[in-house]
Amino acid sequence: MNNAATVDSTGTLGRLEAGEITSALATNLTAAVALANLFCHVFAETELARRIINVSSGAAETALPGEAVYCVAKAGIEMLTRALAAEQQGPTFRAITLRPGVMDTDMQTFARSQPPDVLPVVELFKGFQREGRLVPPEVVASKVVTRLVVGDIDHGRTYSYSEL
């Protein structure tokens, strides 16, 4: 499972340092592509059942002011899944993307702590908590294992939390 994200690049474009952007993309996207490449190389045996689950976010399709670099990386993760599905056509290989929903994580806590000039959508994150919409990570993990790790999946598809 490819799941990496960093908050190093929180802030609106025009206010970020190039190094913050580079570092965030290296963690949030480049690492996942490199790992998928290595996985496909090491586990090239077509008789072996192989599965890659890339973790994305609704931010892959919805621009969040102050989270542009995160949004770009998550969109890239979803394209990685589609590229894997196009290239790895064997019957024992499956690549999917998961959008796990809003989980009660340190990233959520960090987002809620940001001033509006850094993260213009901070109220969105505060609302998730206020409305009780944050799901405990262990609940998501249990559903992911049952539905996506050991269950049948459609190659190249993006799954959302509501489908688990």
C-alpha atoms as a PDB file:
ATOM      1  CA  MET A   1       0.000   0.000   0.000  1.00  0.00           C
ATOM      2  CA  ASN A   2       1.415   3.352  -1.057  1.00  0.00           C
ATOM      3  CA  ASN A   3       0.391   5.936   1.501  1.00  0.00           C
ATOM      4  CA  ALA A   4       2.572   8.958   2.018  1.00  0.00           C
ATOM      5  CA  ALA A   5       1.749  12.551   2.706  1.00  0.00           C
ATOM      6  CA  THR A   6       3.485  15.488   4.251  1.00  0.00           C
ATOM      7  CA  VAL A   7       2.216  18.887   5.282  1.00  0.00           C
ATOM      8  CA  ASP A   8       5.521  20.606   4.521  1.00  0.00           C
ATOM      9  CA  SER A   9       4.015  22.510   1.616  1.00  0.00           C
ATOM     10  CA  THR A  10       0.861  23.904   3.226  1.00  0.00           C
ATOM     11  CA  GLY A  11       0.209  27.412   1.987  1.00  0.00           C
ATOM     12  CA  THR A  12      -0.954  29.153  -1.126  1.00  0.00           C
ATOM     13  CA  LEU A  13       1.134  29.116  -4.281  1.00  0.00           C
ATOM     14  CA  GLY A  14       3.326  32.178  -4.492  1.00  0.00           C
ATOM     15  CA  ARG A  15       4.193  31.896  -0.796  1.00  0.00           C
ATOM     16  CA  LEU A  16       5.952  28.514  -0.809  1.00  0.00           C
ATOM     17  CA  GLU A  17       9.668  27.885  -1.050  1.00  0.00           C
ATOM     18  CA  ALA A  18      10.855  25.732  -3.958  1.00  0.00           C
ATOM     19  CA  GLY A  19      12.460  23.311  -1.505  1.00  0.00           C
ATOM     20  CA  GLU A  20       9.148  22.792   0.309  1.00  0.00           C
ATOM     21  CA  ILE A  21       7.447  21.948  -2.966  1.00  0.00           C
ATOM     22  CA  THR A  22      10.215  19.612  -4.079  1.00  0.00           C
ATOM     23  CA  SER A  23      10.318  17.818  -0.739  1.00  0.00           C
ATOM     24  CA  ALA A  24       6.545  17.391  -0.571  1.00  0.00           C
ATOM     25  CA  LEU A  25       6.320  16.025  -4.117  1.00  0.00           C
ATOM     26  CA  ALA A  26       9.231  13.671  -3.426  1.00  0.00           C
ATOM     27  CA  THR A  27       7.387  12.237  -0.431  1.00  0.00           C
ATOM     28  CA  ASN A  28       3.823  12.391  -1.725  1.00  0.00           C
ATOM     29  CA  LEU A  29       4.327  11.306  -5.338  1.00  0.00           C
ATOM     30  CA  THR A  30       7.863  10.465  -6.441  1.00  0.00           C
ATOM     31  CA  ALA A  31       8.320   7.859  -3.705  1.00  0.00           C
ATOM     32  CA  ALA A  32       5.091   6.091  -4.699  1.00  0.00           C
ATOM     33  CA  VAL A  33       6.104   5.978  -8.371  1.00  0.00           C
ATOM     34  CA  ALA A  34       9.569   4.683  -7.472  1.00  0.00           C
ATOM     35  CA  LEU A  35       8.116   2.018  -5.162  1.00  0.00           C
ATOM     36  CA  ALA A  36       5.586   0.901  -7.777  1.00  0.00           C
ATOM     37  CA  ASN A  37       8.392   0.657 -10.329  1.00  0.00           C
ATOM     38  CA  LEU A  38      10.510  -1.433  -7.947  1.00  0.00           C
ATOM     39  CA  PHE A  39       7.525  -3.613  -7.017  1.00  0.00           C
ATOM     40  CA  CYS A  40       6.791  -4.345 -10.691  1.00  0.00           C
ATOM     41  CA  HIS A  41      10.460  -5.194 -11.281  1.00  0.00           C
ATOM     42  CA  VAL A  42      10.937  -7.424  -8.235  1.00  0.00           C
ATOM     43  CA  PHE A  43       7.563  -9.150  -8.483  1.00  0.00           C
ATOM     44  CA  ALA A  44       7.496  -9.655 -12.248  1.00  0.00           C
ATOM     45  CA  GLU A  45       6.478 -13.318 -11.962  1.00  0.00           C
ATOM     46  CA  THR A  46       3.035 -13.473 -13.558  1.00  0.00           C
ATOM     47  CA  GLU A  47       1.838 -16.530 -11.608  1.00  0.00           C
ATOM     48  CA  LEU A  48       2.146 -14.638  -8.335  1.00  0.00           C
ATOM     49  CA  ALA A  49      -0.905 -12.618  -7.229  1.00  0.00           C
ATOM     50  CA  ARG A  50       0.227  -9.004  -6.876  1.00  0.00           C
ATOM     51  CA  ARG A  51      -1.685  -5.940  -5.692  1.00  0.00           C
ATOM     52  CA  ILE A  52      -0.826  -2.260  -5.331  1.00  0.00           C
ATOM     53  CA  ILE A  53      -3.156   0.002  -3.383  1.00  0.00           C
ATOM     54  CA  ASN A  54      -2.396   3.691  -3.801  1.00  0.00           C
ATOM     55  CA  VAL A  55      -3.920   5.987  -1.189  1.00  0.00           C
ATOM     56  CA  SER A  56      -5.353   9.193  -2.576  1.00  0.00           C
ATOM     57  CA  SER A  57      -7.871  11.772  -1.442  1.00  0.00           C
ATOM     58  CA  GLY A  58     -10.833  13.772  -2.661  1.00  0.00           C
ATOM     59  CA  ALA A  59      -8.160  16.456  -3.041  1.00  0.00           C
ATOM     60  CA  ALA A  60      -7.157  14.653  -6.248  1.00  0.00           C
ATOM     61  CA  GLU A  61     -10.193  16.152  -7.972  1.00  0.00           C
ATOM     62  CA  THR A  62     -11.061  19.145  -5.792  1.00  0.00           C
ATOM     63  CA  ALA A  63      -8.607  22.023  -5.526  1.00  0.00           C
ATOM     64  CA  LEU A  64      -8.185  23.085  -1.905  1.00  0.00           C
ATOM     65  CA  PRO A  65      -6.689  26.575  -1.513  1.00  0.00           C
ATOM     66  CA  GLY A  66      -3.537  26.264   0.570  1.00  0.00           C
ATOM     67  CA  GLU A  67      -3.137  22.570  -0.322  1.00  0.00           C
ATOM     68  CA  ALA A  68      -2.191  22.875  -4.013  1.00  0.00           C
ATOM     69  CA  VAL A  69       0.931  20.702  -3.798  1.00  0.00           C
ATOM     70  CA  TYR A  70      -0.971  17.998  -1.886  1.00  0.00           C
ATOM     71  CA  CYS A  71      -3.786  18.113  -4.471  1.00  0.00           C
ATOM     72  CA  VAL A  72      -1.310  17.817  -7.357  1.00  0.00           C
ATOM     73  CA  ALA A  73       0.417  14.847  -5.706  1.00  0.00           C
ATOM     74  CA  LYS A  74      -2.854  13.016  -5.042  1.00  0.00           C
ATOM     75  CA  ALA A  75      -3.973  13.567  -8.650  1.00  0.00           C
ATOM     76  CA  GLY A  76      -0.617  12.103  -9.686  1.00  0.00           C
ATOM     77  CA  ILE A  77      -1.191   9.076  -7.451  1.00  0.00           C
ATOM     78  CA  GLU A  78      -4.472   8.410  -9.235  1.00  0.00           C
ATOM     79  CA  MET A  79      -2.760   8.669 -12.614  1.00  0.00           C
ATOM     80  CA  LEU A  80      -0.109   6.243 -11.369  1.00  0.00           C
ATOM     81  CA  THR A  81      -2.873   3.710 -10.727  1.00  0.00           C
ATOM     82  CA  ARG A  82      -4.295   4.201 -14.224  1.00  0.00           C
ATOM     83  CA  ALA A  83      -0.801   3.880 -15.736  1.00  0.00           C
ATOM     84  CA  LEU A  84      -0.197   0.651 -13.814  1.00  0.00           C
ATOM     85  CA  ALA A  85      -3.539  -0.709 -15.012  1.00  0.00           C
ATOM     86  CA  ALA A  86      -2.639   0.146 -18.615  1.00  0.00           C
ATOM     87  CA  GLU A  87       0.839  -1.366 -18.430  1.00  0.00           C
ATOM     88  CA  GLN A  88       0.339  -4.377 -16.167  1.00  0.00           C
ATOM     89  CA  GLN A  89      -2.321  -6.423 -17.932  1.00  0.00           C
ATOM     90  CA  GLY A  90      -1.656  -9.823 -16.355  1.00  0.00           C
ATOM     91  CA  PRO A  91      -4.584 -11.593 -14.691  1.00  0.00           C
ATOM     92  CA  THR A  92      -2.776 -11.742 -11.337  1.00  0.00           C
ATOM     93  CA  PHE A  93      -1.840  -8.055 -11.111  1.00  0.00           C
ATOM     94  CA  ARG A  94      -4.219  -5.454  -9.686  1.00  0.00           C
ATOM     95  CA  ALA A  95      -3.626  -1.768  -8.992  1.00  0.00           C
ATOM     96  CA  ILE A  96      -6.262   0.431  -7.413  1.00  0.00           C
ATOM     97  CA  THR A  97      -6.597   3.775  -5.708  1.00  0.00           C
ATOM     98  CA  LEU A  98      -8.325   4.314  -2.389  1.00  0.00           C
ATOM     99  CA  ARG A  99      -9.827   7.574  -1.204  1.00  0.00           C
ATOM    100  CA  PRO A 100     -10.193   6.701   2.487  1.00  0.00           C
ATOM    101  CA  GLY A 101     -12.312   9.681   3.477  1.00  0.00           C
ATOM    102  CA  VAL A 102     -11.687  12.086   6.323  1.00  0.00           C
ATOM    103  CA  MET A 103      -9.822  10.266   9.065  1.00  0.00           C
ATOM    104  CA  ASP A 104      -8.911  11.458  12.517  1.00  0.00           C
ATOM    105  CA  THR A 105      -5.169  11.828  11.916  1.00  0.00           C
ATOM    106  CA  ASP A 106      -2.361  14.201  12.821  1.00  0.00           C
ATOM    107  CA  MET A 107      -2.771  15.804   9.382  1.00  0.00           C
ATOM    108  CA  GLN A 108      -6.335  16.775  10.288  1.00  0.00           C
ATOM    109  CA  THR A 109      -5.117  18.245  13.586  1.00  0.00           C
ATOM    110  CA  PHE A 110      -2.408  20.169  11.739  1.00  0.00           C
ATOM    111  CA  ALA A 111      -4.878  21.510   9.164  1.00  0.00           C
ATOM    112  CA  ARG A 112      -7.254  22.747  11.876  1.00  0.00           C
ATOM    113  CA  SER A 113      -4.381  24.599  13.555  1.00  0.00           C
ATOM    114  CA  GLN A 114      -3.488  26.697  10.496  1.00  0.00           C
ATOM    115  CA  PRO A 115      -4.404  30.363  10.167  1.00  0.00           C
ATOM    116  CA  PRO A 116      -6.697  31.238   7.241  1.00  0.00           C
ATOM    117  CA  ASP A 117      -3.938  33.186   5.461  1.00  0.00           C
ATOM    118  CA  VAL A 118      -1.909  29.946   5.235  1.00  0.00           C
ATOM    119  CA  LEU A 119      -4.805  27.538   4.711  1.00  0.00           C
ATOM    120  CA  PRO A 120      -7.830  29.427   3.359  1.00  0.00           C
ATOM    121  CA  VAL A 121     -10.004  26.285   3.717  1.00  0.00           C
ATOM    122  CA  VAL A 122      -9.204  25.782   7.417  1.00  0.00           C
ATOM    123  CA  GLU A 123     -12.909  26.004   8.280  1.00  0.00           C
ATOM    124  CA  LEU A 124     -13.571  22.944   6.135  1.00  0.00           C
ATOM    125  CA  PHE A 125     -11.248  20.907   8.345  1.00  0.00           C
ATOM    126  CA  LYS A 126     -12.677  22.386  11.525  1.00  0.00           C
ATOM    127  CA  GLY A 127     -16.142  21.479  10.261  1.00  0.00           C
ATOM    128  CA  PHE A 128     -15.154  17.829   9.793  1.00  0.00           C
ATOM    129  CA  GLN A 129     -14.324  17.651  13.489  1.00  0.00           C
ATOM    130  CA  ARG A 130     -17.241  19.788  14.653  1.00  0.00           C
ATOM    131  CA  GLU A 131     -19.710  17.643  12.705  1.00  0.00           C
ATOM    132  CA  GLY A 132     -18.206  14.359  13.939  1.00  0.00           C
ATOM    133  CA  ARG A 133     -17.212  13.288  10.426  1.00  0.00           C
ATOM    134  CA  LEU A 134     -13.669  12.136  11.282  1.00  0.00           C
ATOM    135  CA  VAL A 135     -13.365   8.349  11.112  1.00  0.00           C
ATOM    136  CA  PRO A 136     -10.831   6.549  13.346  1.00  0.00           C
ATOM    137  CA  PRO A 137      -7.950   5.153  11.234  1.00  0.00           C
ATOM    138  CA  GLU A 138      -8.404   1.649  12.684  1.00  0.00           C
ATOM    139  CA  VAL A 139     -11.987   1.547  11.375  1.00  0.00           C
ATOM    140  CA  VAL A 140     -10.811   2.475   7.890  1.00  0.00           C
ATOM    141  CA  ALA A 141      -7.919  -0.015   8.070  1.00  0.00           C
ATOM    142  CA  SER A 142     -10.204  -2.900   9.003  1.00  0.00           C
ATOM    143  CA  LYS A 143     -12.531  -2.155   6.100  1.00  0.00           C
ATOM    144  CA  VAL A 144      -9.601  -1.746   3.687  1.00  0.00           C
ATOM    145  CA  VAL A 145      -8.198  -5.165   4.565  1.00  0.00           C
ATOM    146  CA  THR A 146     -11.553  -6.903   4.224  1.00  0.00           C
ATOM    147  CA  ARG A 147     -12.651  -5.194   1.016  1.00  0.00           C
ATOM    148  CA  LEU A 148      -9.479  -4.259  -0.862  1.00  0.00           C
ATOM    149  CA  VAL A 149      -6.580  -6.376   0.390  1.00  0.00           C
ATOM    150  CA  VAL A 150      -8.287  -9.779   0.412  1.00  0.00           C
ATOM    151  CA  GLY A 151     -11.473  -9.049  -1.559  1.00  0.00           C
ATOM    152  CA  ASP A 152     -12.072  -8.947  -5.292  1.00  0.00           C
ATOM    153  CA  ILE A 153     -11.170  -5.609  -6.873  1.00  0.00           C
ATOM    154  CA  ASP A 154     -11.448  -3.997 -10.298  1.00  0.00           C
ATOM    155  CA  HIS A 155      -8.051  -3.276 -11.858  1.00  0.00           C
ATOM    156  CA  GLY A 156      -7.382   0.459 -12.258  1.00  0.00           C
ATOM    157  CA  ARG A 157     -10.395   1.584 -10.252  1.00  0.00           C
ATOM    158  CA  THR A 158     -10.601   4.290  -7.599  1.00  0.00           C
ATOM    159  CA  TYR A 159     -12.534   3.224  -4.502  1.00  0.00           C
ATOM    160  CA  SER A 160     -13.981   5.589  -1.930  1.00  0.00           C
ATOM    161  CA  TYR A 161     -14.572   5.016   1.767  1.00  0.00           C
ATOM    162  CA  SER A 162     -18.324   4.721   1.202  1.00  0.00           C
ATOM    163  CA  GLU A 163     -17.688   1.629  -0.944  1.00  0.00           C
ATOM    164  CA  LEU A 164     -15.853  -0.196   1.795  1.00  0.00           C
END
